[in-house]
Structure formats: C-alpha cells, structure tokens
C-alpha cells in the first residue's frame, strides 16, 4: 500500500530557491491510554523481538503501544539548507512570520520526520506548529518567509509536513521530588532516551513531560526504570500518561507502515525574488 501522508502534493510543500522561475505555488490543501506492559519479562521479550526484527532501525517504525492520547498529529516546517546557512537567521524569519499570524513555533527533533524525507535530506531547522495548526497554516507561514530572498540565508527547500509525535508525561510520587529530579538529570539515562524534556517537581510528585519523535516501548520502559531507580520505587509506580486529555489521539494499530518513498518529482519549485 502506497503512503500519501508525507509525499502527496496536498500535504507537501517544497520551495527550491535556485534556478527556477515563476511565482510561489501551493497545492490546496481518541483512544484511551493503554495500560503499562504486564511484566518486566514481557517487556524484555518485546525488546528482543523488536531488535531481531530491526523495527527501530532503518525505515521501520518502533513498536508503539503507548498511543491514544499519548500520540498526536502535528505539522512541522523543515528547512533544508546548505552547510554555510544562517540557521539563526532562518529561524528568526520563520518565527517572525508565525508571530505575525498569532502562532508560536517550537523547535523539535528532525527525527519526527519519516524516512521518505530523511533519506533525501536532514533539515538544518525543524519547527513544530501548535497542536491545532493545519498544513495550510504551515504553508501560509512559508509563503510569508519566501516573500524575501531566503536563498541569501542558505535555504534550499522548505517542507511543510504532517508528523506523529509522542506527547507523554511520566510521573512518580516521592517525598523529595526536587532531589529525584536532580538525580535523574545527573544520571543522564532519561536525557539520553528523550533528548529534550521538561520537569515539574512539587507537591510530592515529580513529572517529566516530553513531546518529540515516537518512542518504542522499550525506550518508554527504560525511562520509567531510570526515574524509578532515583526515586527508589518499582518501575511500575512510574505512571505514563498523555500530557493533555483533550483533543484527538492516534491509534497506532490503524496507522499504515512507513515507506521509504522518494521525494523526487513531488516538490513544487517556485523562485524567491
């Protein structure tokens, strides 16, 4: 089955800023959270099976059973630029265009992009629009940015793409949440697994919130274990829940698999004056 999620012209906008003529073009454009794995043995079996199948490598999507409201659809703008690109300048242009439309962009790992994109390029700038934004909102921001000559900043292409992200909150009850938070940071296991995250330590509870690329079940379990180790409680006492109970989540069992499809001939090529 062919995927259209990423490469269909209805959701993909790429601006090539060299050697083209013409004006800017654009095409028109919850399930409840699952319970935690039954046992550490079951989790270990799943990790082994996933390693054998290579589901966390190459073009495979990780095994994700923490879904429903813990997985969200987001729109990102990815910018492919040259080695000498002015990354700060590109981000400043995007932020200004978004702010003029009452939108705030947030940095996000390029790993949220599917292999169809990453096998062609790794973006130098990747930003996420708010959870309520649509691909049309992203295209509007990019059109505004390309009204100026962004090629001077080293931009090659802009892509407006829908992605899936994990939107999780890990929480554990503890008498000294501040100390546990500091210990988690020092150990670095959670940082290695999540990259960027935020913490709230108050009221006898430590909460760690994460929005980013999909995490395989074994990664979620490693985070729970890292937190529990510092809190001196069993991993089962570290709860995993959605950051927000509003909106619409994603049933991963209903999502089509990733394809390593090519992006050639799918891009729209206006020229920025």
Protein backbone atom coordinates (compact mmCIF):
# COMPACT_ATOMS: atom_id res chain seq x y z
CA UNK A 1 0.00 0.00 0.00
CA UNK A 2 1.42 3.36 -1.02
CA UNK A 3 1.63 6.07 1.60
CA UNK A 4 0.34 9.55 0.81
CA UNK A 5 0.81 11.01 4.27
CA UNK A 6 4.10 12.69 3.56
CA UNK A 7 4.61 12.96 -0.15
CA UNK A 8 1.21 13.80 -1.61
CA UNK A 9 1.18 17.35 -3.06
CA UNK A 10 -1.81 18.14 -0.83
CA UNK A 11 0.41 17.99 2.23
CA UNK A 12 3.91 18.62 0.93
CA UNK A 13 5.32 22.00 0.08
CA UNK A 14 8.92 22.30 -1.03
CA UNK A 15 10.38 25.56 -2.18
CA UNK A 16 13.55 25.24 -4.26
CA UNK A 17 15.37 28.53 -4.21
CA UNK A 18 17.80 28.11 -7.09
CA UNK A 19 17.45 28.02 -10.85
CA UNK A 20 13.64 28.26 -11.05
CA UNK A 21 11.25 30.93 -12.25
CA UNK A 22 7.66 31.81 -11.55
CA UNK A 23 5.61 32.80 -8.52
CA UNK A 24 5.06 30.93 -5.29
CA UNK A 25 2.76 27.96 -5.76
CA UNK A 26 0.98 25.79 -3.27
CA UNK A 27 -1.47 22.94 -3.63
CA UNK A 28 -4.87 23.14 -1.87
CA UNK A 29 -4.72 21.72 0.65
CA UNK A 30 -9.11 9.03 20.99
CA UNK A 31 -8.47 6.26 22.19
CA UNK A 32 -7.84 5.68 25.94
CA UNK A 33 -4.26 5.24 27.05
CA UNK A 34 -3.16 1.61 27.30
CA UNK A 35 -2.06 0.02 30.50
CA UNK A 36 1.63 -0.48 31.11
CA UNK A 37 3.24 -3.76 29.98
CA UNK A 38 2.27 -6.64 32.26
CA UNK A 39 5.76 -7.53 33.50
CA UNK A 40 9.43 -6.81 33.07
CA UNK A 41 9.80 -10.23 31.46
CA UNK A 42 7.18 -9.36 28.88
CA UNK A 43 8.92 -6.06 28.22
CA UNK A 44 12.24 -7.84 27.78
CA UNK A 45 10.67 -10.30 25.32
CA UNK A 46 9.25 -7.41 23.32
CA UNK A 47 12.60 -5.63 23.23
CA UNK A 48 14.31 -8.79 21.99
CA UNK A 49 11.68 -9.38 19.32
CA UNK A 50 11.95 -5.79 18.17
CA UNK A 51 15.73 -5.98 17.98
CA UNK A 52 15.52 -9.17 15.94
CA UNK A 53 13.06 -7.61 13.52
CA UNK A 54 15.04 -4.37 13.26
CA UNK A 55 11.95 -2.27 13.94
CA UNK A 56 13.95 0.56 15.48
CA UNK A 57 16.46 0.66 12.65
CA UNK A 58 16.38 1.94 9.10
CA UNK A 59 12.89 2.63 7.81
CA UNK A 60 10.97 0.69 10.45
CA UNK A 61 8.63 2.40 12.88
CA UNK A 62 9.24 1.46 16.52
CA UNK A 63 6.68 -0.68 18.30
CA UNK A 64 4.37 1.84 19.98
CA UNK A 65 1.66 0.63 22.33
CA UNK A 66 1.65 3.84 24.36
CA UNK A 67 -0.73 5.55 21.96
CA UNK A 68 -4.23 7.03 22.03
CA UNK A 69 -3.95 10.50 23.52
CA UNK A 70 -0.23 9.92 24.05
CA UNK A 71 0.37 10.16 20.28
CA UNK A 72 -0.63 13.31 18.40
CA UNK A 73 -0.62 14.59 14.85
CA UNK A 74 1.41 17.77 14.39
CA UNK A 75 2.51 19.92 11.49
CA UNK A 76 6.18 20.78 11.12
CA UNK A 77 8.19 23.06 8.87
CA UNK A 78 11.51 21.51 7.89
CA UNK A 79 14.20 23.61 6.22
CA UNK A 80 16.89 22.06 4.06
CA UNK A 81 19.84 24.42 3.86
CA UNK A 82 23.46 24.49 2.80
CA UNK A 83 26.47 23.89 5.02
CA UNK A 84 27.11 27.62 5.43
CA UNK A 85 23.47 28.51 6.07
CA UNK A 86 22.49 31.17 8.57
CA UNK A 87 20.43 28.84 10.77
CA UNK A 88 19.66 31.55 13.34
CA UNK A 89 18.54 33.88 10.56
CA UNK A 90 16.27 31.23 9.06
CA UNK A 91 14.66 30.55 12.42
CA UNK A 92 14.23 34.28 13.02
CA UNK A 93 12.39 34.67 9.70
CA UNK A 94 10.10 31.74 10.49
CA UNK A 95 9.36 33.00 14.00
CA UNK A 96 8.55 36.48 12.71
CA UNK A 97 6.20 35.16 10.03
CA UNK A 98 4.48 32.93 12.59
CA UNK A 99 4.19 35.70 15.18
CA UNK A 100 2.55 37.98 12.60
CA UNK A 101 -0.17 35.33 12.36
CA UNK A 102 -0.52 34.77 16.10
CA UNK A 103 1.40 31.50 16.03
CA UNK A 104 4.36 30.32 18.09
CA UNK A 105 6.79 27.78 16.64
CA UNK A 106 8.71 25.32 18.82
CA UNK A 107 11.94 23.52 17.97
CA UNK A 108 11.58 19.78 17.52
CA UNK A 109 13.97 16.99 16.56
CA UNK A 110 14.20 16.21 12.84
CA UNK A 111 13.72 12.57 13.86
CA UNK A 112 9.95 13.22 13.84
CA UNK A 113 10.20 13.07 10.03
CA UNK A 114 9.61 9.80 8.24
CA UNK A 115 12.29 8.02 6.20
CA UNK A 116 10.78 9.32 2.94
CA UNK A 117 12.14 12.73 3.93
CA UNK A 118 15.23 11.87 5.94
CA UNK A 119 16.68 9.62 3.27
CA UNK A 120 16.75 12.64 0.97
CA UNK A 121 17.93 15.29 3.41
CA UNK A 122 18.37 16.10 7.09
CA UNK A 123 16.89 19.54 7.77
CA UNK A 124 19.01 22.16 9.47
CA UNK A 125 15.90 23.72 11.04
CA UNK A 126 12.78 21.81 12.13
CA UNK A 127 9.96 23.56 13.97
CA UNK A 128 6.53 22.40 15.07
CA UNK A 129 3.35 24.42 14.83
CA UNK A 130 0.84 24.35 17.70
CA UNK A 131 -1.27 21.22 18.06
CA UNK A 132 -4.31 22.89 16.48
CA UNK A 133 -2.45 24.03 13.34
CA UNK A 134 -3.07 22.58 9.88
CA UNK A 135 -0.77 22.11 6.88
CA UNK A 136 -2.41 25.21 5.37
CA UNK A 137 -1.22 27.21 8.38
CA UNK A 138 2.31 25.98 7.75
CA UNK A 139 2.13 26.83 4.06
CA UNK A 140 0.92 30.34 4.91
CA UNK A 141 3.96 30.90 7.13
CA UNK A 142 6.35 29.60 4.48
CA UNK A 143 4.78 31.79 1.79
CA UNK A 144 5.37 34.81 4.00
CA UNK A 145 9.00 33.83 4.56
CA UNK A 146 9.67 33.31 0.86
CA UNK A 147 8.45 36.80 0.03
CA UNK A 148 12.04 37.72 0.89
CA UNK A 149 15.10 36.16 -0.70
CA UNK A 150 15.84 33.38 1.75
CA UNK A 151 18.44 31.92 -0.62
CA UNK A 152 20.81 34.53 0.86
CA UNK A 153 20.42 32.67 4.16
CA UNK A 154 21.45 29.42 2.51
CA UNK A 155 17.95 27.92 2.22
CA UNK A 156 17.46 25.23 -0.40
CA UNK A 157 13.96 23.98 0.35
CA UNK A 158 11.10 24.35 2.81
CA UNK A 159 8.87 21.37 3.59
CA UNK A 160 5.52 21.55 5.35
CA UNK A 161 4.74 18.07 6.64
CA UNK A 162 2.35 16.27 9.00
CA UNK A 163 4.06 14.05 11.55
CA UNK A 164 3.25 11.85 14.53
CA UNK A 165 4.75 12.77 17.89
CA UNK A 166 4.70 11.25 21.32
CA UNK A 167 3.17 13.60 23.88
CA UNK A 168 3.88 11.97 27.23
CA UNK A 169 4.05 12.69 30.92
CA UNK A 170 5.98 10.41 33.28
CA UNK A 171 5.13 10.94 36.96
CA UNK A 172 6.11 9.40 40.28
CA UNK A 173 5.17 10.16 43.87
CA UNK A 174 8.18 10.95 46.04
CA UNK A 175 8.89 12.74 49.30
CA UNK A 176 11.59 14.90 47.71
CA UNK A 177 10.77 15.46 44.01
CA UNK A 178 13.46 18.12 43.64
CA UNK A 179 16.20 15.74 44.72
CA UNK A 180 14.88 12.97 42.48
CA UNK A 181 14.75 15.37 39.53
CA UNK A 182 18.37 16.39 40.11
CA UNK A 183 19.43 12.75 40.42
CA UNK A 184 17.65 11.85 37.18
CA UNK A 185 19.46 14.69 35.41
CA UNK A 186 22.84 13.64 36.80
CA UNK A 187 22.45 10.02 35.75
CA UNK A 188 21.55 11.08 32.21
CA UNK A 189 19.58 7.96 31.26
CA UNK A 190 16.36 9.90 30.77
CA UNK A 191 18.15 12.64 28.84
CA UNK A 192 19.75 10.07 26.56
CA UNK A 193 16.37 8.48 25.85
CA UNK A 194 14.26 11.61 25.45
CA UNK A 195 16.62 14.38 24.42
CA UNK A 196 14.63 17.43 25.45
CA UNK A 197 12.10 17.25 28.27
CA UNK A 198 10.66 19.46 30.99
CA UNK A 199 10.21 18.72 34.68
CA UNK A 200 7.89 19.85 37.44
CA UNK A 201 8.87 18.93 40.99
CA UNK A 202 6.29 19.92 43.55
CA UNK A 203 3.54 18.65 45.80
CA UNK A 204 5.21 15.32 46.47
CA UNK A 205 5.41 14.40 42.79
CA UNK A 206 7.94 14.58 40.00
CA UNK A 207 6.55 14.95 36.49
CA UNK A 208 8.64 14.72 33.33
CA UNK A 209 6.95 15.86 30.12
CA UNK A 210 8.09 15.01 26.61
CA UNK A 211 6.96 15.95 23.10
CA UNK A 212 9.04 14.54 20.26
CA UNK A 213 9.72 11.58 18.00
CA UNK A 214 7.82 8.37 18.64
CA UNK A 215 9.40 6.23 21.33
CA UNK A 216 9.46 2.46 21.13
CA UNK A 217 8.01 0.59 24.09
CA UNK A 218 11.46 -0.42 25.28
CA UNK A 219 12.53 3.24 25.38
CA UNK A 220 9.48 4.17 27.42
CA UNK A 221 10.32 1.34 29.82
CA UNK A 222 13.94 2.49 30.10
CA UNK A 223 12.72 5.97 31.07
CA UNK A 224 10.40 4.52 33.70
CA UNK A 225 13.26 2.47 35.09
CA UNK A 226 15.60 5.46 35.11
CA UNK A 227 13.11 7.54 37.08
CA UNK A 228 12.19 4.71 39.44
CA UNK A 229 15.83 3.98 40.22
CA UNK A 230 16.37 7.52 41.51
CA UNK A 231 13.02 7.58 43.32
CA UNK A 232 13.80 4.18 44.93
CA UNK A 233 10.46 2.69 43.90
CA UNK A 234 9.48 -0.07 41.45
CA UNK A 235 9.23 0.99 37.80
CA UNK A 236 5.54 0.07 37.88
CA UNK A 237 4.98 3.08 40.17
CA UNK A 238 6.15 5.48 37.47
CA UNK A 239 2.96 6.38 35.62
CA UNK A 240 2.90 7.10 31.88
CA UNK A 241 0.03 9.25 30.66
CA UNK A 242 -0.80 11.83 27.96
CA UNK A 243 0.33 15.38 28.60
CA UNK A 244 -3.20 16.50 27.78
CA UNK A 245 -6.52 14.69 27.96
CA UNK A 246 -8.17 16.99 25.42
CA UNK A 247 -8.09 16.71 21.65
CA UNK A 248 -7.76 13.63 19.48
CA UNK A 249 -5.17 10.90 19.83
CA UNK A 250 -3.87 8.32 17.37
CA UNK A 251 -4.46 4.59 17.26
CA UNK A 252 -1.09 3.31 16.05
CA UNK A 253 -2.53 -0.07 15.08
CA UNK A 254 -4.56 1.72 12.40
CA UNK A 255 -1.60 3.69 11.02
CA UNK A 256 -0.12 2.42 7.74
CA UNK A 257 3.56 1.45 7.85
CA UNK A 258 6.28 3.81 6.80
CA UNK A 259 7.52 3.56 3.24
CA UNK A 260 10.96 4.59 2.03
CA UNK A 261 9.40 6.50 -0.85
CA UNK A 262 11.39 9.01 -2.83
CA UNK A 263 10.66 12.74 -2.84
CA UNK A 264 11.88 13.41 -6.37
CA UNK A 265 9.26 14.90 -8.68
CA UNK A 266 6.97 15.56 -5.71
CA UNK A 267 8.23 19.06 -4.93
CA UNK A 268 6.87 22.39 -6.11
CA UNK A 269 9.62 24.74 -7.31
CA UNK A 270 8.93 28.48 -7.12
CA UNK A 271 11.68 31.07 -7.27
CA UNK A 272 12.09 33.60 -4.48
CA UNK A 273 12.72 37.08 -5.82
